[in-house]
Amino acid sequence: MSSLVELQKKFLSAPRYAVVGASKDQSKYGTKVLKWYQRRSKDVTPVHPKEDELEGLKTVRTIGDLPAPKETSISIITPPKVTLGILEQAKALDLPALWLQPGAEDESVVNYIQENDLQDRVIYGGPCILVEGDGIIRSLL
C-alpha cells in the first residue's frame, strides 16, 4: 500500500485534473478547489450534471465524459452518497488517482474503498488539497 505522501505526489503529478462538486456558489468548497487549480494554471475540468460552464470552464456531465480519464486526477467534494457513485464509476474506468476532500466520505465510502482495494488510488480520511496541495507541489520540484 502506498503512503499518503506517495499518493498525494502521484495525484498532483497528473497532466490533467477534474473537480466533482464545484457549483456556481462561490462559498462552497467544490468551487474553492476548482479555483485552486485555476490559480496554479492546472488543466482542470469541472464535472457537473447540469451546468454547462463553471468559473469560465466548460463542464462535462460525468467523469466518463472527461477527455482523457486515465490521465486525470479527480478531486471529489460531494456528499458521501454521491461520492460512492463516483467511486464506482472511477473503478470501472480504472482512474489513477482520486482525492476525497473532508466531508465527502462516510463509513460506507471507506468500506467501498477497502473492499475494492482502492487504497492505492484514493486519498481519504481528512487531508485537504487547499491546505496541503502547495507543499506537495513544492516537493515535486
C-alpha atoms as a PDB file:
ATOM      1  CA  MET A   1       0.000   0.000   0.000  1.00  0.00           C
ATOM      2  CA  SER A   2       1.254   3.478  -0.890  1.00  0.00           C
ATOM      3  CA  SER A   3       1.893   6.039   1.816  1.00  0.00           C
ATOM      4  CA  LEU A   4      -0.266   9.153   1.974  1.00  0.00           C
ATOM      5  CA  VAL A   5       2.625  11.333   0.765  1.00  0.00           C
ATOM      6  CA  GLU A   6       3.259   9.000  -2.206  1.00  0.00           C
ATOM      7  CA  LEU A   7      -0.449   9.087  -3.096  1.00  0.00           C
ATOM      8  CA  GLN A   8      -0.559  12.875  -2.865  1.00  0.00           C
ATOM      9  CA  LYS A   9       2.538  13.204  -5.078  1.00  0.00           C
ATOM     10  CA  LYS A  10       1.042  10.781  -7.613  1.00  0.00           C
ATOM     11  CA  PHE A  11      -2.205  12.754  -7.549  1.00  0.00           C
ATOM     12  CA  LEU A  12      -0.517  16.124  -8.122  1.00  0.00           C
ATOM     13  CA  SER A  13       1.799  14.767 -10.838  1.00  0.00           C
ATOM     14  CA  ALA A  14      -1.087  14.160 -13.255  1.00  0.00           C
ATOM     15  CA  PRO A  15      -1.243  16.101 -16.521  1.00  0.00           C
ATOM     16  CA  ARG A  16      -4.981  16.745 -16.037  1.00  0.00           C
ATOM     17  CA  TYR A  17      -7.420  17.318 -13.172  1.00  0.00           C
ATOM     18  CA  ALA A  18     -11.158  17.250 -12.636  1.00  0.00           C
ATOM     19  CA  VAL A  19     -13.331  18.579  -9.827  1.00  0.00           C
ATOM     20  CA  VAL A  20     -16.614  16.903  -8.924  1.00  0.00           C
ATOM     21  CA  GLY A  21     -18.685  19.080  -6.616  1.00  0.00           C
ATOM     22  CA  ALA A  22     -17.985  22.587  -7.893  1.00  0.00           C
ATOM     23  CA  SER A  23     -21.008  24.831  -8.378  1.00  0.00           C
ATOM     24  CA  LYS A  24     -21.914  28.448  -9.012  1.00  0.00           C
ATOM     25  CA  ASP A  25     -21.880  29.047  -5.251  1.00  0.00           C
ATOM     26  CA  GLN A  26     -18.567  30.798  -4.526  1.00  0.00           C
ATOM     27  CA  SER A  27     -18.737  29.870  -0.831  1.00  0.00           C
ATOM     28  CA  LYS A  28     -18.758  26.103  -1.474  1.00  0.00           C
ATOM     29  CA  TYR A  29     -15.545  24.128  -1.152  1.00  0.00           C
ATOM     30  CA  GLY A  30     -16.009  22.470  -4.540  1.00  0.00           C
ATOM     31  CA  THR A  31     -15.738  25.874  -6.195  1.00  0.00           C
ATOM     32  CA  LYS A  32     -12.791  26.830  -3.973  1.00  0.00           C
ATOM     33  CA  VAL A  33     -10.965  23.669  -5.062  1.00  0.00           C
ATOM     34  CA  LEU A  34     -11.716  24.383  -8.734  1.00  0.00           C
ATOM     35  CA  LYS A  35     -10.312  27.907  -8.345  1.00  0.00           C
ATOM     36  CA  TRP A  36      -7.240  26.486  -6.543  1.00  0.00           C
ATOM     37  CA  TYR A  37      -6.363  24.525  -9.698  1.00  0.00           C
ATOM     38  CA  GLN A  38      -7.056  27.539 -11.915  1.00  0.00           C
ATOM     39  CA  ARG A  39      -4.784  29.808  -9.848  1.00  0.00           C
ATOM     40  CA  ARG A  40      -1.992  27.283 -10.343  1.00  0.00           C
ATOM     41  CA  SER A  41      -2.578  27.089 -14.119  1.00  0.00           C
ATOM     42  CA  LYS A  42      -3.541  23.412 -13.955  1.00  0.00           C
ATOM     43  CA  ASP A  43      -5.514  21.788 -16.775  1.00  0.00           C
ATOM     44  CA  VAL A  44      -8.781  21.318 -14.867  1.00  0.00           C
ATOM     45  CA  THR A  45     -12.275  20.302 -15.921  1.00  0.00           C
ATOM     46  CA  PRO A  46     -15.334  20.743 -13.708  1.00  0.00           C
ATOM     47  CA  VAL A  47     -17.763  17.806 -13.639  1.00  0.00           C
ATOM     48  CA  HIS A  48     -21.374  18.843 -13.116  1.00  0.00           C
ATOM     49  CA  PRO A  49     -24.592  17.036 -14.090  1.00  0.00           C
ATOM     50  CA  LYS A  50     -26.496  20.207 -15.079  1.00  0.00           C
ATOM     51  CA  GLU A  51     -24.250  23.257 -15.523  1.00  0.00           C
ATOM     52  CA  ASP A  52     -22.569  23.826 -18.908  1.00  0.00           C
ATOM     53  CA  GLU A  53     -19.865  26.115 -17.534  1.00  0.00           C
ATOM     54  CA  LEU A  54     -18.305  26.902 -14.154  1.00  0.00           C
ATOM     55  CA  GLU A  55     -15.681  29.570 -13.487  1.00  0.00           C
ATOM     56  CA  GLY A  56     -15.356  30.132 -17.229  1.00  0.00           C
ATOM     57  CA  LEU A  57     -14.598  26.455 -17.915  1.00  0.00           C
ATOM     58  CA  LYS A  58     -16.718  24.068 -19.975  1.00  0.00           C
ATOM     59  CA  THR A  59     -18.056  21.252 -17.816  1.00  0.00           C
ATOM     60  CA  VAL A  60     -18.575  17.580 -18.543  1.00  0.00           C
ATOM     61  CA  ARG A  61     -21.572  15.701 -17.134  1.00  0.00           C
ATOM     62  CA  THR A  62     -19.759  12.647 -15.696  1.00  0.00           C
ATOM     63  CA  ILE A  63     -16.184  11.533 -15.098  1.00  0.00           C
ATOM     64  CA  GLY A  64     -16.660   9.131 -18.002  1.00  0.00           C
ATOM     65  CA  ASP A  65     -17.013  12.189 -20.269  1.00  0.00           C
ATOM     66  CA  LEU A  66     -13.553  13.521 -19.405  1.00  0.00           C
ATOM     67  CA  PRO A  67     -11.303  13.831 -22.488  1.00  0.00           C
ATOM     68  CA  ALA A  68      -8.547  11.607 -21.006  1.00  0.00           C
ATOM     69  CA  PRO A  69      -9.847   9.971 -17.804  1.00  0.00           C
ATOM     70  CA  LYS A  70      -6.839   7.658 -17.353  1.00  0.00           C
ATOM     71  CA  GLU A  71      -4.574  10.735 -17.218  1.00  0.00           C
ATOM     72  CA  THR A  72      -6.822  12.705 -14.850  1.00  0.00           C
ATOM     73  CA  SER A  73      -6.641  13.050 -11.074  1.00  0.00           C
ATOM     74  CA  ILE A  74     -10.057  13.794  -9.610  1.00  0.00           C
ATOM     75  CA  SER A  75     -10.937  15.912  -6.575  1.00  0.00           C
ATOM     76  CA  ILE A  76     -14.265  14.912  -5.061  1.00  0.00           C
ATOM     77  CA  ILE A  77     -16.210  17.350  -2.906  1.00  0.00           C
ATOM     78  CA  THR A  78     -19.658  15.761  -2.749  1.00  0.00           C
ATOM     79  CA  PRO A  79     -21.951  14.243  -0.128  1.00  0.00           C
ATOM     80  CA  PRO A  80     -20.980  10.639   0.700  1.00  0.00           C
ATOM     81  CA  LYS A  81     -23.909   9.076  -1.208  1.00  0.00           C
ATOM     82  CA  VAL A  82     -22.787  10.899  -4.380  1.00  0.00           C
ATOM     83  CA  THR A  83     -19.138  10.065  -3.658  1.00  0.00           C
ATOM     84  CA  LEU A  84     -19.962   6.358  -3.598  1.00  0.00           C
ATOM     85  CA  GLY A  85     -21.394   6.506  -7.129  1.00  0.00           C
ATOM     86  CA  ILE A  86     -18.357   8.432  -8.360  1.00  0.00           C
ATOM     87  CA  LEU A  87     -16.017   5.836  -6.848  1.00  0.00           C
ATOM     88  CA  GLU A  88     -17.948   3.080  -8.624  1.00  0.00           C
ATOM     89  CA  GLN A  89     -17.519   4.919 -11.941  1.00  0.00           C
ATOM     90  CA  ALA A  90     -13.842   5.599 -11.201  1.00  0.00           C
ATOM     91  CA  LYS A  91     -13.206   1.916 -10.526  1.00  0.00           C
ATOM     92  CA  ALA A  92     -14.928   0.895 -13.766  1.00  0.00           C
ATOM     93  CA  LEU A  93     -12.870   3.485 -15.692  1.00  0.00           C
ATOM     94  CA  ASP A  94      -9.646   2.462 -13.890  1.00  0.00           C
ATOM     95  CA  LEU A  95      -8.883   6.070 -12.948  1.00  0.00           C
ATOM     96  CA  PRO A  96      -5.406   6.615 -11.496  1.00  0.00           C
ATOM     97  CA  ALA A  97      -5.987   8.930  -8.514  1.00  0.00           C
ATOM     98  CA  LEU A  98      -8.843  10.437  -6.520  1.00  0.00           C
ATOM     99  CA  TRP A  99      -8.787  12.825  -3.578  1.00  0.00           C
ATOM    100  CA  LEU A 100     -11.857  12.862  -1.328  1.00  0.00           C
ATOM    101  CA  GLN A 101     -11.977  16.219   0.372  1.00  0.00           C
ATOM    102  CA  PRO A 102     -13.129  16.360   4.009  1.00  0.00           C
ATOM    103  CA  GLY A 103     -16.843  15.559   4.300  1.00  0.00           C
ATOM    104  CA  ALA A 104     -17.004  13.549   1.067  1.00  0.00           C
ATOM    105  CA  GLU A 105     -16.845  10.205   2.827  1.00  0.00           C
ATOM    106  CA  ASP A 106     -18.647   8.200   5.441  1.00  0.00           C
ATOM    107  CA  GLU A 107     -18.352   4.619   6.665  1.00  0.00           C
ATOM    108  CA  SER A 108     -19.931   3.171   3.503  1.00  0.00           C
ATOM    109  CA  VAL A 109     -17.458   5.090   1.284  1.00  0.00           C
ATOM    110  CA  VAL A 110     -14.472   3.931   3.366  1.00  0.00           C
ATOM    111  CA  ASN A 111     -15.778   0.345   3.272  1.00  0.00           C
ATOM    112  CA  TYR A 112     -16.153   0.531  -0.522  1.00  0.00           C
ATOM    113  CA  ILE A 113     -12.566   1.788  -0.889  1.00  0.00           C
ATOM    114  CA  GLN A 114     -11.218  -1.017   1.297  1.00  0.00           C
ATOM    115  CA  GLU A 115     -13.405  -3.806  -0.132  1.00  0.00           C
ATOM    116  CA  ASN A 116     -12.395  -2.871  -3.686  1.00  0.00           C
ATOM    117  CA  ASP A 117      -8.662  -2.414  -2.955  1.00  0.00           C
ATOM    118  CA  LEU A 118      -8.685   1.242  -3.982  1.00  0.00           C
ATOM    119  CA  GLN A 119      -6.469   2.439  -1.127  1.00  0.00           C
ATOM    120  CA  ASP A 120      -3.537   2.860  -3.527  1.00  0.00           C
ATOM    121  CA  ARG A 121      -5.595   5.298  -5.647  1.00  0.00           C
ATOM    122  CA  VAL A 122      -7.829   7.180  -3.204  1.00  0.00           C
ATOM    123  CA  ILE A 123      -6.766   9.841  -0.700  1.00  0.00           C
ATOM    124  CA  TYR A 124      -9.324   9.943   2.104  1.00  0.00           C
ATOM    125  CA  GLY A 125      -9.665  10.399   5.816  1.00  0.00           C
ATOM    126  CA  GLY A 126      -9.145  14.120   6.171  1.00  0.00           C
ATOM    127  CA  PRO A 127      -6.341  15.688   4.108  1.00  0.00           C
ATOM    128  CA  CYS A 128      -7.453  18.800   2.197  1.00  0.00           C
ATOM    129  CA  ILE A 129      -5.840  19.897  -1.065  1.00  0.00           C
ATOM    130  CA  LEU A 130      -6.438  23.552  -0.130  1.00  0.00           C
ATOM    131  CA  VAL A 131      -4.248  23.075   2.951  1.00  0.00           C
ATOM    132  CA  GLU A 132      -1.651  20.561   1.740  1.00  0.00           C
ATOM    133  CA  GLY A 133      -1.556  20.989  -2.034  1.00  0.00           C
ATOM    134  CA  ASP A 134       1.050  23.731  -2.353  1.00  0.00           C
ATOM    135  CA  GLY A 135       3.519  21.919  -0.098  1.00  0.00           C
ATOM    136  CA  ILE A 136       3.134  18.757  -2.160  1.00  0.00           C
ATOM    137  CA  ILE A 137       3.647  20.674  -5.408  1.00  0.00           C
ATOM    138  CA  ARG A 138       6.833  22.251  -3.977  1.00  0.00           C
ATOM    139  CA  SER A 139       8.114  18.772  -3.030  1.00  0.00           C
ATOM    140  CA  LEU A 140       7.739  17.693  -6.669  1.00  0.00           C
ATOM    141  CA  LEU A 141      10.026  20.465  -7.982  1.00  0.00           C
END
